Amino acid sequence: MFQFLLRRVLWLVPVVLTVAVTTFFLMYRAPGGPWDRQKPLPEATRRSLDAKFGLDKPLWVNPEAVRAARADGETNPFALASAALDGQFFNYLSGLVRFDLGPSYQSRGTETVQDIIRETFPASAKVGVVGLVFAVAVGIPLGIVGALRQNTWVDHGSVFVATAGVAVPSL
C-alpha cells in the first residue's frame, strides 16, 4: 500500500509539470494578448505594461541578462544560471512552485490572482459541496435501484437520469 501511494505521489510531479507546460504554451500561442481590447492601447503604454508584467522577456532563456551580469563582473555560476533562466516560462514555473500567481491582468495589476481566489473560493467551495452532496444523495439511490432491477424500465430510467445529469453543461 505504501509503495502504491509513493508511486502516485511521485507521478504527481511529471503530471503537474506537463499540465503547467501545456497551459503556458497554449496561452502563449493563443491569438491576442492581455492588452487587446476594443479600444487599442498606445504603444508606450503597451510596452510599459509588458515590462511591468515580465512579458518583454524572452520566452525561454535570457542571454541578455547573462551578458549584463558578466559585464557587471559576476562570475558565480549560480547567479549566471539564474540570470539565464530569467525568461517568461521559468518565471511562470517558479511562480507556480511558490504559489505566486502574480498580478491579475484583468484588474490591471491592482489585485493579485491569489486575492481573487481568496475572495471567490468560499462561494465556489459551497457550490461544489452542495453539488457533491446532491450527486451522492441522488446517485447512490439511483445506482442501487438500477442494480436491483436490472434491464427494466427503472434501470433504463436511472441510467438516463445519470447520463443527463453528467451531460448538462455547467454555467
Protein backbone atom coordinates (compact mmCIF):
# COMPACT_ATOMS: atom_id res chain seq x y z
CA MET A 1 0.00 0.00 0.00
CA PHE A 2 2.80 2.40 0.90
CA GLN A 3 4.59 1.74 -2.40
CA PHE A 4 1.38 2.39 -4.29
CA LEU A 5 0.89 5.74 -2.53
CA LEU A 6 4.54 6.66 -3.04
CA ARG A 7 4.28 5.90 -6.78
CA ARG A 8 1.13 8.02 -7.01
CA VAL A 9 2.77 10.95 -5.24
CA LEU A 10 5.90 10.68 -7.38
CA TRP A 11 3.81 10.61 -10.56
CA LEU A 12 2.20 13.84 -9.40
CA VAL A 13 5.36 15.80 -10.26
CA PRO A 14 5.54 14.97 -14.00
CA VAL A 15 1.78 15.28 -14.39
CA VAL A 16 1.68 18.75 -12.81
CA LEU A 17 4.74 19.79 -14.82
CA THR A 18 3.12 18.57 -18.05
CA VAL A 19 -0.09 20.45 -17.28
CA ALA A 20 1.88 23.62 -16.46
CA VAL A 21 3.93 23.41 -19.67
CA THR A 22 0.85 22.70 -21.78
CA THR A 23 -1.10 25.53 -20.19
CA PHE A 24 1.74 28.01 -20.64
CA PHE A 25 2.30 27.22 -24.31
CA LEU A 26 -1.37 27.09 -25.20
CA MET A 27 -1.83 30.54 -23.66
CA TYR A 28 1.33 31.77 -25.38
CA ARG A 29 0.18 30.53 -28.79
CA ALA A 30 -3.40 31.78 -28.39
CA PRO A 31 -4.20 34.77 -30.59
CA GLY A 32 -4.36 38.14 -28.93
CA GLY A 33 -2.88 39.20 -25.66
CA PRO A 34 -3.78 40.55 -22.26
CA TRP A 35 -3.84 44.16 -23.51
CA ASP A 36 -6.03 43.59 -26.55
CA ARG A 37 -9.29 45.44 -26.02
CA GLN A 38 -11.86 47.08 -28.24
CA LYS A 39 -10.00 50.35 -27.84
CA PRO A 40 -6.29 49.78 -28.61
CA LEU A 41 -3.68 50.94 -26.09
CA PRO A 42 -0.94 53.36 -27.09
CA GLU A 43 2.32 51.57 -27.88
CA ALA A 44 4.18 53.25 -24.98
CA THR A 45 1.54 52.03 -22.54
CA ARG A 46 1.69 48.53 -24.01
CA ARG A 47 5.50 48.44 -23.63
CA SER A 48 5.23 49.72 -20.05
CA LEU A 49 2.66 47.04 -19.16
CA ASP A 50 4.77 44.34 -20.83
CA ALA A 51 7.78 45.42 -18.74
CA LYS A 52 5.71 45.54 -15.53
CA PHE A 53 4.36 42.01 -16.01
CA GLY A 54 7.55 40.50 -17.49
CA LEU A 55 6.11 39.95 -20.95
CA ASP A 56 9.03 41.76 -22.56
CA LYS A 57 11.45 39.00 -21.52
CA PRO A 58 12.42 36.15 -23.85
CA LEU A 59 10.27 33.04 -23.83
CA TRP A 60 12.88 30.51 -22.63
CA VAL A 61 16.28 31.78 -21.59
CA ASN A 62 17.58 35.31 -21.25
CA PRO A 63 21.07 35.63 -22.79
CA GLU A 64 20.94 39.42 -22.44
CA ALA A 65 20.67 39.07 -18.65
CA VAL A 66 23.72 36.76 -18.65
CA ARG A 67 25.71 39.25 -20.73
CA ALA A 68 24.69 42.08 -18.39
CA ALA A 69 25.66 40.03 -15.32
CA ARG A 70 29.05 39.17 -16.84
CA ALA A 71 29.60 42.81 -17.77
CA ASP A 72 28.99 43.69 -14.11
CA GLY A 73 31.75 41.23 -13.15
CA GLU A 74 29.56 38.36 -12.00
CA THR A 75 31.37 35.01 -12.08
CA ASN A 76 29.19 32.92 -9.77
CA PRO A 77 27.71 30.11 -11.91
CA PHE A 78 24.51 30.03 -9.86
CA ALA A 79 23.93 33.74 -10.38
CA LEU A 80 24.64 33.37 -14.11
CA ALA A 81 22.26 30.40 -14.35
CA SER A 82 19.63 32.40 -12.50
CA ALA A 83 20.10 35.25 -14.96
CA ALA A 84 19.85 32.82 -17.89
CA LEU A 85 16.56 31.40 -16.58
CA ASP A 86 15.01 34.86 -16.26
CA GLY A 87 12.58 34.21 -19.11
CA GLN A 88 8.80 34.10 -19.22
CA PHE A 89 8.50 30.31 -18.94
CA PHE A 90 10.85 29.82 -16.00
CA ASN A 91 9.39 32.82 -14.18
CA TYR A 92 5.97 31.23 -14.65
CA LEU A 93 7.21 27.89 -13.26
CA SER A 94 8.96 29.48 -10.29
CA GLY A 95 5.78 31.42 -9.51
CA LEU A 96 3.76 28.19 -9.61
CA VAL A 97 6.19 26.47 -7.25
CA ARG A 98 5.95 29.40 -4.79
CA PHE A 99 2.14 29.63 -5.27
CA ASP A 100 2.70 33.17 -6.53
CA LEU A 101 0.34 33.50 -9.47
CA GLY A 102 1.18 37.16 -9.97
CA PRO A 103 -0.97 40.17 -10.65
CA SER A 104 -4.28 39.91 -12.42
CA TYR A 105 -4.28 41.24 -15.97
CA GLN A 106 -7.99 41.94 -15.75
CA SER A 107 -7.58 44.28 -12.78
CA ARG A 108 -4.56 45.91 -14.47
CA GLY A 109 -2.26 44.74 -11.67
CA THR A 110 -4.18 46.25 -8.76
CA GLU A 111 -5.08 42.77 -7.41
CA THR A 112 -3.15 39.53 -7.34
CA VAL A 113 -4.62 36.29 -8.58
CA GLN A 114 -4.33 34.95 -5.01
CA ASP A 115 -6.53 37.81 -3.76
CA ILE A 116 -9.18 36.98 -6.34
CA ILE A 117 -9.04 33.27 -5.46
CA ARG A 118 -9.20 34.09 -1.75
CA GLU A 119 -12.33 36.19 -2.30
CA THR A 120 -14.17 33.77 -4.58
CA PHE A 121 -13.08 30.40 -3.18
CA PRO A 122 -15.62 30.24 -0.30
CA ALA A 123 -18.56 30.64 -2.68
CA SER A 124 -17.06 28.13 -5.13
CA ALA A 125 -16.46 25.65 -2.31
CA LYS A 126 -20.07 25.99 -1.12
CA VAL A 127 -21.40 25.34 -4.62
CA GLY A 128 -19.07 22.37 -5.01
CA VAL A 129 -20.07 20.84 -1.68
CA VAL A 130 -23.78 21.27 -2.44
CA GLY A 131 -23.28 19.69 -5.85
CA LEU A 132 -21.35 16.78 -4.35
CA VAL A 133 -23.99 16.19 -1.68
CA PHE A 134 -26.73 16.31 -4.32
CA ALA A 135 -24.83 13.92 -6.61
CA VAL A 136 -24.29 11.44 -3.78
CA ALA A 137 -27.85 11.77 -2.45
CA VAL A 138 -29.34 11.16 -5.89
CA GLY A 139 -26.66 8.97 -7.49
CA ILE A 140 -26.32 6.27 -4.86
CA PRO A 141 -30.06 5.53 -4.58
CA LEU A 142 -30.39 5.56 -8.39
CA GLY A 143 -27.46 3.16 -8.67
CA ILE A 144 -28.91 0.82 -6.06
CA VAL A 145 -32.36 0.82 -7.68
CA GLY A 146 -30.84 0.27 -11.10
CA ALA A 147 -28.72 -2.64 -9.80
CA LEU A 148 -31.68 -4.30 -8.07
CA ARG A 149 -33.96 -4.01 -11.12
CA GLN A 150 -31.54 -4.77 -13.96
CA ASN A 151 -32.79 -4.40 -17.55
CA THR A 152 -36.16 -2.98 -16.53
CA TRP A 153 -37.62 0.45 -17.21
CA VAL A 154 -36.38 1.51 -13.73
CA ASP A 155 -32.79 0.61 -14.64
CA HIS A 156 -33.02 2.36 -18.01
CA GLY A 157 -34.61 5.41 -16.36
CA SER A 158 -31.86 5.64 -13.74
CA VAL A 159 -29.19 5.37 -16.45
CA PHE A 160 -30.97 8.10 -18.42
CA VAL A 161 -31.13 10.40 -15.37
CA ALA A 162 -27.46 9.77 -14.57
CA THR A 163 -26.38 10.39 -18.16
CA ALA A 164 -28.49 13.53 -18.41
CA GLY A 165 -27.02 14.79 -15.13
CA VAL A 166 -23.48 14.35 -16.42
CA ALA A 167 -24.30 15.82 -19.84
CA VAL A 168 -25.88 19.06 -18.57
CA PRO A 169 -23.35 21.83 -19.15
CA SER A 170 -22.18 23.91 -16.24
CA LEU A 171 -22.73 27.65 -16.27
